[in-house]
C-alpha cells in the first residue's frame, strides 16, 4: 500500500507519518523506480499506524502511543 492510501485509511497527517518513520516506530519498505523512492506499507504497518495515531489523538506521547499500539496489534516487535 502506498503513502496516499495509508493517509486515507488512517487519517494521520503526512508529517506525522514521516515523523513515525524518522523515529523508527515504523519501517516501510522502500521501492526505487528510476530516481524516485516510494514507500510501501503492509497491512501490519497500517494497523500499527492506525493505533499509534488513535493514541496520539487521545493525548499520549509518541513513545507511549507506540508501545500501546504494539500491544493492541500483538506485533512481535520489541517495545
PDB file of N, CA and C in Angstrom:
ATOM      1  N   UNK A   1       0.846  -1.156   0.000  1.00  0.00           N
ATOM      2  CA  UNK A   1       0.000   0.000   0.000  1.00  0.00           C
ATOM      3  C   UNK A   1       0.903   1.234   0.000  1.00  0.00           C
ATOM      4  N   UNK A   2       0.576   2.226  -0.789  1.00  0.00           N
ATOM      5  CA  UNK A   2       1.420   3.412  -0.865  1.00  0.00           C
ATOM      6  C   UNK A   2       1.038   4.454   0.201  1.00  0.00           C
ATOM      7  N   UNK A   3       1.816   5.504   0.297  1.00  0.00           N
ATOM      8  CA  UNK A   3       1.621   6.537   1.323  1.00  0.00           C
ATOM      9  C   UNK A   3       0.235   7.162   1.252  1.00  0.00           C
ATOM     10  N   UNK A   4      -0.217   7.498   0.064  1.00  0.00           N
ATOM     11  CA  UNK A   4      -1.528   8.132  -0.092  1.00  0.00           C
ATOM     12  C   UNK A   4      -2.639   7.239   0.451  1.00  0.00           C
ATOM     13  N   UNK A   5      -2.558   5.953   0.170  1.00  0.00           N
ATOM     14  CA  UNK A   5      -3.565   5.011   0.671  1.00  0.00           C
ATOM     15  C   UNK A   5      -3.533   4.935   2.197  1.00  0.00           C
ATOM     16  N   UNK A   6      -2.334   4.930   2.774  1.00  0.00           N
ATOM     17  CA  UNK A   6      -2.200   4.877   4.234  1.00  0.00           C
ATOM     18  C   UNK A   6      -2.801   6.133   4.864  1.00  0.00           C
ATOM     19  N   UNK A   7      -2.515   7.284   4.288  1.00  0.00           N
ATOM     20  CA  UNK A   7      -3.058   8.541   4.814  1.00  0.00           C
ATOM     21  C   UNK A   7      -4.583   8.524   4.770  1.00  0.00           C
ATOM     22  N   UNK A   8      -5.127   8.026   3.681  1.00  0.00           N
ATOM     23  CA  UNK A   8      -6.576   7.967   3.506  1.00  0.00           C
ATOM     24  C   UNK A   8      -7.206   6.998   4.507  1.00  0.00           C
ATOM     25  N   UNK A   9      -6.589   5.834   4.694  1.00  0.00           N
ATOM     26  CA  UNK A   9      -7.172   4.810   5.586  1.00  0.00           C
ATOM     27  C   UNK A   9      -7.063   5.163   7.059  1.00  0.00           C
ATOM     28  N   UNK A  10      -5.961   5.805   7.448  1.00  0.00           N
ATOM     29  CA  UNK A  10      -5.728   6.056   8.875  1.00  0.00           C
ATOM     30  C   UNK A  10      -6.110   7.461   9.317  1.00  0.00           C
ATOM     31  N   UNK A  11      -6.084   8.407   8.392  1.00  0.00           N
ATOM     32  CA  UNK A  11      -6.387   9.791   8.747  1.00  0.00           C
ATOM     33  C   UNK A  11      -5.207  10.535   9.353  1.00  0.00           C
ATOM     34  N   UNK A  12      -4.059   9.898   9.457  1.00  0.00           N
ATOM     35  CA  UNK A  12      -2.882  10.543  10.034  1.00  0.00           C
ATOM     36  C   UNK A  12      -2.334  11.588   9.055  1.00  0.00           C
ATOM     37  N   UNK A  13      -1.922  12.742   9.554  1.00  0.00           N
ATOM     38  CA  UNK A  13      -1.300  13.731   8.668  1.00  0.00           C
ATOM     39  C   UNK A  13       0.050  13.225   8.135  1.00  0.00           C
ATOM     40  N   UNK A  14       0.382  13.630   6.933  1.00  0.00           N
ATOM     41  CA  UNK A  14       1.611  13.177   6.272  1.00  0.00           C
ATOM     42  C   UNK A  14       2.850  13.435   7.131  1.00  0.00           C
ATOM     43  N   UNK A  15       2.937  14.628   7.747  1.00  0.00           N
ATOM     44  CA  UNK A  15       4.125  14.962   8.550  1.00  0.00           C
ATOM     45  C   UNK A  15       4.281  14.017   9.732  1.00  0.00           C
ATOM     46  N   UNK A  16       3.165  13.639  10.344  1.00  0.00           N
ATOM     47  CA  UNK A  16       3.227  12.731  11.495  1.00  0.00           C
ATOM     48  C   UNK A  16       3.623  11.325  11.051  1.00  0.00           C
ATOM     49  N   UNK A  17       3.148  10.906   9.886  1.00  0.00           N
ATOM     50  CA  UNK A  17       3.542   9.607   9.345  1.00  0.00           C
ATOM     51  C   UNK A  17       5.048   9.569   9.113  1.00  0.00           C
ATOM     52  N   UNK A  18       5.585  10.624   8.510  1.00  0.00           N
ATOM     53  CA  UNK A  18       7.020  10.678   8.247  1.00  0.00           C
ATOM     54  C   UNK A  18       7.816  10.772   9.550  1.00  0.00           C
ATOM     55  N   UNK A  19       7.261  11.438  10.542  1.00  0.00           N
ATOM     56  CA  UNK A  19       7.928  11.525  11.844  1.00  0.00           C
ATOM     57  C   UNK A  19       8.021  10.132  12.478  1.00  0.00           C
ATOM     58  N   UNK A  20       6.954   9.338  12.386  1.00  0.00           N
ATOM     59  CA  UNK A  20       6.979   7.970  12.913  1.00  0.00           C
ATOM     60  C   UNK A  20       8.098   7.160  12.254  1.00  0.00           C
ATOM     61  N   UNK A  21       8.264   7.357  10.961  1.00  0.00           N
ATOM     62  CA  UNK A  21       9.334   6.658  10.245  1.00  0.00           C
ATOM     63  C   UNK A  21      10.707   7.174  10.683  1.00  0.00           C
ATOM     64  N   UNK A  22      10.834   8.485  10.793  1.00  0.00           N
ATOM     65  CA  UNK A  22      12.103   9.099  11.187  1.00  0.00           C
ATOM     66  C   UNK A  22      12.558   8.606  12.559  1.00  0.00           C
ATOM     67  N   UNK A  23      11.616   8.433  13.476  1.00  0.00           N
ATOM     68  CA  UNK A  23      11.942   7.990  14.830  1.00  0.00           C
ATOM     69  C   UNK A  23      12.077   6.475  14.949  1.00  0.00           C
ATOM     70  N   UNK A  24      11.789   5.747  13.874  1.00  0.00           N
ATOM     71  CA  UNK A  24      11.965   4.298  13.879  1.00  0.00           C
ATOM     72  C   UNK A  24      10.766   3.513  14.387  1.00  0.00           C
ATOM     73  N   UNK A  25       9.617   4.167  14.562  1.00  0.00           N
ATOM     74  CA  UNK A  25       8.426   3.466  15.027  1.00  0.00           C
ATOM     75  C   UNK A  25       7.809   2.611  13.918  1.00  0.00           C
ATOM     76  N   UNK A  26       8.004   3.027  12.683  1.00  0.00           N
ATOM     77  CA  UNK A  26       7.555   2.241  11.533  1.00  0.00           C
ATOM     78  C   UNK A  26       8.710   2.168  10.534  1.00  0.00           C
ATOM     79  N   UNK A  27       8.719   1.135   9.725  1.00  0.00           N
ATOM     80  CA  UNK A  27       9.780   0.953   8.725  1.00  0.00           C
ATOM     81  C   UNK A  27       9.190   0.414   7.433  1.00  0.00           C
ATOM     82  N   UNK A  28       8.573   1.301   6.639  1.00  0.00           N
ATOM     83  CA  UNK A  28       8.006   0.809   5.378  1.00  0.00           C
ATOM     84  C   UNK A  28       9.110   0.358   4.434  1.00  0.00           C
ATOM     85  N   UNK A  29       8.748  -0.540   3.555  1.00  0.00           N
ATOM     86  CA  UNK A  29       9.686  -0.994   2.537  1.00  0.00           C
ATOM     87  C   UNK A  29       9.890   0.153   1.546  1.00  0.00           C
ATOM     88  N   UNK A  30      11.111   0.325   1.086  1.00  0.00           N
ATOM     89  CA  UNK A  30      11.403   1.375   0.099  1.00  0.00           C
ATOM     90  C   UNK A  30      11.560   0.716  -1.265  1.00  0.00           C
ATOM     91  N   UNK A  31      10.861   1.262  -2.247  1.00  0.00           N
ATOM     92  CA  UNK A  31      10.924   0.735  -3.610  1.00  0.00           C
ATOM     93  C   UNK A  31      11.448   1.840  -4.524  1.00  0.00           C
ATOM     94  N   UNK A  32      12.520   1.546  -5.219  1.00  0.00           N
ATOM     95  CA  UNK A  32      13.120   2.526  -6.123  1.00  0.00           C
ATOM     96  C   UNK A  32      12.588   2.300  -7.530  1.00  0.00           C
ATOM     97  N   UNK A  33      12.088   3.390  -8.133  1.00  0.00           N
ATOM     98  CA  UNK A  33      11.636   3.365  -9.518  1.00  0.00           C
ATOM     99  C   UNK A  33      12.369   4.505 -10.214  1.00  0.00           C
ATOM    100  N   UNK A  34      13.382   4.136 -10.963  1.00  0.00           N
ATOM    101  CA  UNK A  34      14.221   5.164 -11.574  1.00  0.00           C
ATOM    102  C   UNK A  34      14.946   5.927 -10.480  1.00  0.00           C
ATOM    103  N   UNK A  35      14.785   7.241 -10.475  1.00  0.00           N
ATOM    104  CA  UNK A  35      15.425   8.073  -9.457  1.00  0.00           C
ATOM    105  C   UNK A  35      14.532   8.283  -8.232  1.00  0.00           C
ATOM    106  N   UNK A  36      13.294   7.860  -8.319  1.00  0.00           N
ATOM    107  CA  UNK A  36      12.351   8.078  -7.216  1.00  0.00           C
ATOM    108  C   UNK A  36      12.322   6.887  -6.267  1.00  0.00           C
ATOM    109  N   UNK A  37      12.046   7.181  -5.005  1.00  0.00           N
ATOM    110  CA  UNK A  37      11.909   6.142  -3.992  1.00  0.00           C
ATOM    111  C   UNK A  37      10.499   6.248  -3.412  1.00  0.00           C
ATOM    112  N   UNK A  38       9.794   5.137  -3.403  1.00  0.00           N
ATOM    113  CA  UNK A  38       8.431   5.095  -2.883  1.00  0.00           C
ATOM    114  C   UNK A  38       8.385   4.222  -1.640  1.00  0.00           C
ATOM    115  N   UNK A  39       7.518   4.607  -0.705  1.00  0.00           N
ATOM    116  CA  UNK A  39       7.295   3.798   0.490  1.00  0.00           C
ATOM    117  C   UNK A  39       6.161   2.818   0.208  1.00  0.00           C
ATOM    118  N   UNK A  40       6.348   1.606   0.674  1.00  0.00           N
ATOM    119  CA  UNK A  40       5.308   0.580   0.523  1.00  0.00           C
ATOM    120  C   UNK A  40       5.014   0.018   1.913  1.00  0.00           C
ATOM    121  N   UNK A  41       3.751   0.110   2.335  1.00  0.00           N
ATOM    122  CA  UNK A  41       3.328  -0.322   3.658  1.00  0.00           C
ATOM    123  C   UNK A  41       2.534  -1.614   3.544  1.00  0.00           C
ATOM    124  N   UNK A  42       2.769  -2.539   4.484  1.00  0.00           N
ATOM    125  CA  UNK A  42       1.964  -3.753   4.509  1.00  0.00           C
ATOM    126  C   UNK A  42       0.805  -3.565   5.497  1.00  0.00           C
ATOM    127  N   UNK A  43      -0.049  -4.540   5.578  1.00  0.00           N
ATOM    128  CA  UNK A  43      -1.248  -4.426   6.423  1.00  0.00           C
ATOM    129  C   UNK A  43      -0.881  -4.264   7.898  1.00  0.00           C
ATOM    130  N   UNK A  44       0.168  -4.925   8.327  1.00  0.00           N
ATOM    131  CA  UNK A  44       0.630  -4.801   9.709  1.00  0.00           C
ATOM    132  C   UNK A  44       1.071  -3.367  10.013  1.00  0.00           C
ATOM    133  N   UNK A  45       1.776  -2.747   9.068  1.00  0.00           N
ATOM    134  CA  UNK A  45       2.186  -1.348   9.227  1.00  0.00           C
ATOM    135  C   UNK A  45       0.966  -0.447   9.388  1.00  0.00           C
ATOM    136  N   UNK A  46      -0.034  -0.672   8.556  1.00  0.00           N
ATOM    137  CA  UNK A  46      -1.231   0.169   8.566  1.00  0.00           C
ATOM    138  C   UNK A  46      -1.968   0.054   9.896  1.00  0.00           C
ATOM    139  N   UNK A  47      -2.090  -1.158  10.421  1.00  0.00           N
ATOM    140  CA  UNK A  47      -2.753  -1.345  11.724  1.00  0.00           C
ATOM    141  C   UNK A  47      -1.983  -0.622  12.821  1.00  0.00           C
ATOM    142  N   UNK A  48      -0.660  -0.750  12.794  1.00  0.00           N
ATOM    143  CA  UNK A  48       0.168  -0.095  13.800  1.00  0.00           C
ATOM    144  C   UNK A  48       0.025   1.417  13.706  1.00  0.00           C
ATOM    145  N   UNK A  49       0.068   1.951  12.501  1.00  0.00           N
ATOM    146  CA  UNK A  49      -0.085   3.399  12.291  1.00  0.00           C
ATOM    147  C   UNK A  49      -1.452   3.860  12.787  1.00  0.00           C
ATOM    148  N   UNK A  50      -2.479   3.094  12.461  1.00  0.00           N
ATOM    149  CA  UNK A  50      -3.832   3.430  12.910  1.00  0.00           C
ATOM    150  C   UNK A  50      -3.883   3.571  14.424  1.00  0.00           C
ATOM    151  N   UNK A  51      -3.340   2.600  15.143  1.00  0.00           N
ATOM    152  CA  UNK A  51      -3.417   2.638  16.602  1.00  0.00           C
ATOM    153  C   UNK A  51      -2.507   3.701  17.195  1.00  0.00           C
ATOM    154  N   UNK A  52      -1.330   3.898  16.615  1.00  0.00           N
ATOM    155  CA  UNK A  52      -0.468   4.981  17.106  1.00  0.00           C
ATOM    156  C   UNK A  52      -1.197   6.303  16.970  1.00  0.00           C
ATOM    157  N   UNK A  53      -1.793   6.538  15.814  1.00  0.00           N
ATOM    158  CA  UNK A  53      -2.496   7.799  15.573  1.00  0.00           C
ATOM    159  C   UNK A  53      -3.691   7.940  16.524  1.00  0.00           C
ATOM    160  N   UNK A  54      -4.392   6.863  16.775  1.00  0.00           N
ATOM    161  CA  UNK A  54      -5.514   6.893  17.717  1.00  0.00           C
ATOM    162  C   UNK A  54      -5.037   7.332  19.098  1.00  0.00           C
ATOM    163  N   UNK A  55      -3.946   6.743  19.570  1.00  0.00           N
ATOM    164  CA  UNK A  55      -3.425   7.092  20.897  1.00  0.00           C
ATOM    165  C   UNK A  55      -2.836   8.497  20.924  1.00  0.00           C
ATOM    166  N   UNK A  56      -2.211   8.931  19.839  1.00  0.00           N
ATOM    167  CA  UNK A  56      -1.705  10.304  19.788  1.00  0.00           C
ATOM    168  C   UNK A  56      -2.855  11.308  19.900  1.00  0.00           C
ATOM    169  N   UNK A  57      -3.951  11.026  19.204  1.00  0.00           N
ATOM    170  CA  UNK A  57      -5.115  11.919  19.280  1.00  0.00           C
ATOM    171  C   UNK A  57      -5.724  11.933  20.671  1.00  0.00           C
ATOM    172  N   UNK A  58      -5.542  10.831  21.413  1.00  0.00           N
ATOM    173  CA  UNK A  58      -6.038  10.760  22.791  1.00  0.00           C
ATOM    174  C   UNK A  58      -5.116  11.484  23.770  1.00  0.00           C
ATOM    175  N   UNK A  59      -3.990  12.013  23.270  1.00  0.00           N
ATOM    176  CA  UNK A  59      -3.110  12.808  24.111  1.00  0.00           C
ATOM    177  C   UNK A  59      -1.857  12.115  24.606  1.00  0.00           C
ATOM    178  N   UNK A  60      -1.634  10.862  24.190  1.00  0.00           N
ATOM    179  CA  UNK A  60      -0.428  10.169  24.609  1.00  0.00           C
ATOM    180  C   UNK A  60       0.774  10.687  23.824  1.00  0.00           C
ATOM    181  N   UNK A  61       1.936  10.618  24.421  1.00  0.00           N
ATOM    182  CA  UNK A  61       3.174  10.980  23.721  1.00  0.00           C
ATOM    183  C   UNK A  61       3.546   9.848  22.774  1.00  0.00           C
ATOM    184  N   UNK A  62       4.427  10.164  21.833  1.00  0.00           N
ATOM    185  CA  UNK A  62       4.764   9.213  20.769  1.00  0.00           C
ATOM    186  C   UNK A  62       5.214   7.853  21.301  1.00  0.00           C
ATOM    187  N   UNK A  63       6.145   7.837  22.228  1.00  0.00           N
ATOM    188  CA  UNK A  63       6.691   6.564  22.720  1.00  0.00           C
ATOM    189  C   UNK A  63       5.600   5.708  23.370  1.00  0.00           C
ATOM    190  N   UNK A  64       4.767   6.353  24.190  1.00  0.00           N
ATOM    191  CA  UNK A  64       3.691   5.621  24.869  1.00  0.00           C
ATOM    192  C   UNK A  64       2.648   5.158  23.849  1.00  0.00           C
ATOM    193  N   UNK A  65       2.315   6.017  22.897  1.00  0.00           N
ATOM    194  CA  UNK A  65       1.349   5.647  21.852  1.00  0.00           C
ATOM    195  C   UNK A  65       1.862   4.444  21.065  1.00  0.00           C
ATOM    196  N   UNK A  66       3.155   4.442  20.769  1.00  0.00           N
ATOM    197  CA  UNK A  66       3.775   3.332  20.045  1.00  0.00           C
ATOM    198  C   UNK A  66       3.701   2.044  20.865  1.00  0.00           C
ATOM    199  N   UNK A  67       4.051   2.127  22.136  1.00  0.00           N
ATOM    200  CA  UNK A  67       4.025   0.944  22.997  1.00  0.00           C
ATOM    201  C   UNK A  67       2.612   0.379  23.137  1.00  0.00           C
ATOM    202  N   UNK A  68       1.636   1.260  23.320  1.00  0.00           N
ATOM    203  CA  UNK A  68       0.244   0.812  23.445  1.00  0.00           C
ATOM    204  C   UNK A  68      -0.238   0.197  22.125  1.00  0.00           C
ATOM    205  N   UNK A  69       0.163   0.787  21.007  1.00  0.00           N
ATOM    206  CA  UNK A  69      -0.237   0.278  19.695  1.00  0.00           C
ATOM    207  C   UNK A  69       0.347  -1.110  19.458  1.00  0.00           C
ATOM    208  N   UNK A  70       1.599  -1.306  19.856  1.00  0.00           N
ATOM    209  CA  UNK A  70       2.215  -2.631  19.695  1.00  0.00           C
ATOM    210  C   UNK A  70       1.436  -3.688  20.460  1.00  0.00           C
ATOM    211  N   UNK A  71       1.036  -3.349  21.676  1.00  0.00           N
ATOM    212  CA  UNK A  71       0.242  -4.295  22.470  1.00  0.00           C
ATOM    213  C   UNK A  71      -1.095  -4.578  21.815  1.00  0.00           C
ATOM    214  N   UNK A  72      -1.691  -3.541  21.259  1.00  0.00           N
ATOM    215  CA  UNK A  72      -3.010  -3.667  20.636  1.00  0.00           C
ATOM    216  C   UNK A  72      -2.968  -4.583  19.415  1.00  0.00           C
ATOM    217  N   UNK A  73      -1.951  -4.406  18.576  1.00  0.00           N
ATOM    218  CA  UNK A  73      -1.897  -5.210  17.341  1.00  0.00           C
ATOM    219  C   UNK A  73      -1.213  -6.542  17.548  1.00  0.00           C
ATOM    220  N   UNK A  74      -0.588  -6.731  18.730  1.00  0.00           N
ATOM    221  CA  UNK A  74       0.052  -8.005  19.006  1.00  0.00           C
ATOM    222  C   UNK A  74       1.239  -8.274  18.112  1.00  0.00           C
ATOM    223  N   UNK A  75       1.912  -7.217  17.696  1.00  0.00           N
ATOM    224  CA  UNK A  75       3.060  -7.352  16.811  1.00  0.00           C
ATOM    225  C   UNK A  75       4.249  -7.930  17.578  1.00  0.00           C
ATOM    226  N   UNK A  76       5.113  -8.617  16.903  1.00  0.00           N
ATOM    227  CA  UNK A  76       6.277  -9.218  17.507  1.00  0.00           C
ATOM    228  C   UNK A  76       7.430  -8.259  17.724  1.00  0.00           C
ATOM    229  N   UNK A  77       7.238  -6.986  17.409  1.00  0.00           N
ATOM    230  CA  UNK A  77       8.328  -6.013  17.575  1.00  0.00           C
ATOM    231  C   UNK A  77       8.587  -5.756  19.049  1.00  0.00           C
ATOM    232  N   UNK A  78       9.802  -5.344  19.356  1.00  0.00           N
ATOM    233  CA  UNK A  78      10.168  -5.044  20.743  1.00  0.00           C
ATOM    234  C   UNK A  78       9.756  -3.634  21.098  1.00  0.00           C
ATOM    235  N   UNK A  79       9.355  -3.476  22.344  1.00  0.00           N
ATOM    236  CA  UNK A  79       8.961  -2.156  22.846  1.00  0.00           C
ATOM    237  C   UNK A  79      10.159  -1.504  23.470  1.00  0.00           C
TER     238      UNK A  79
END
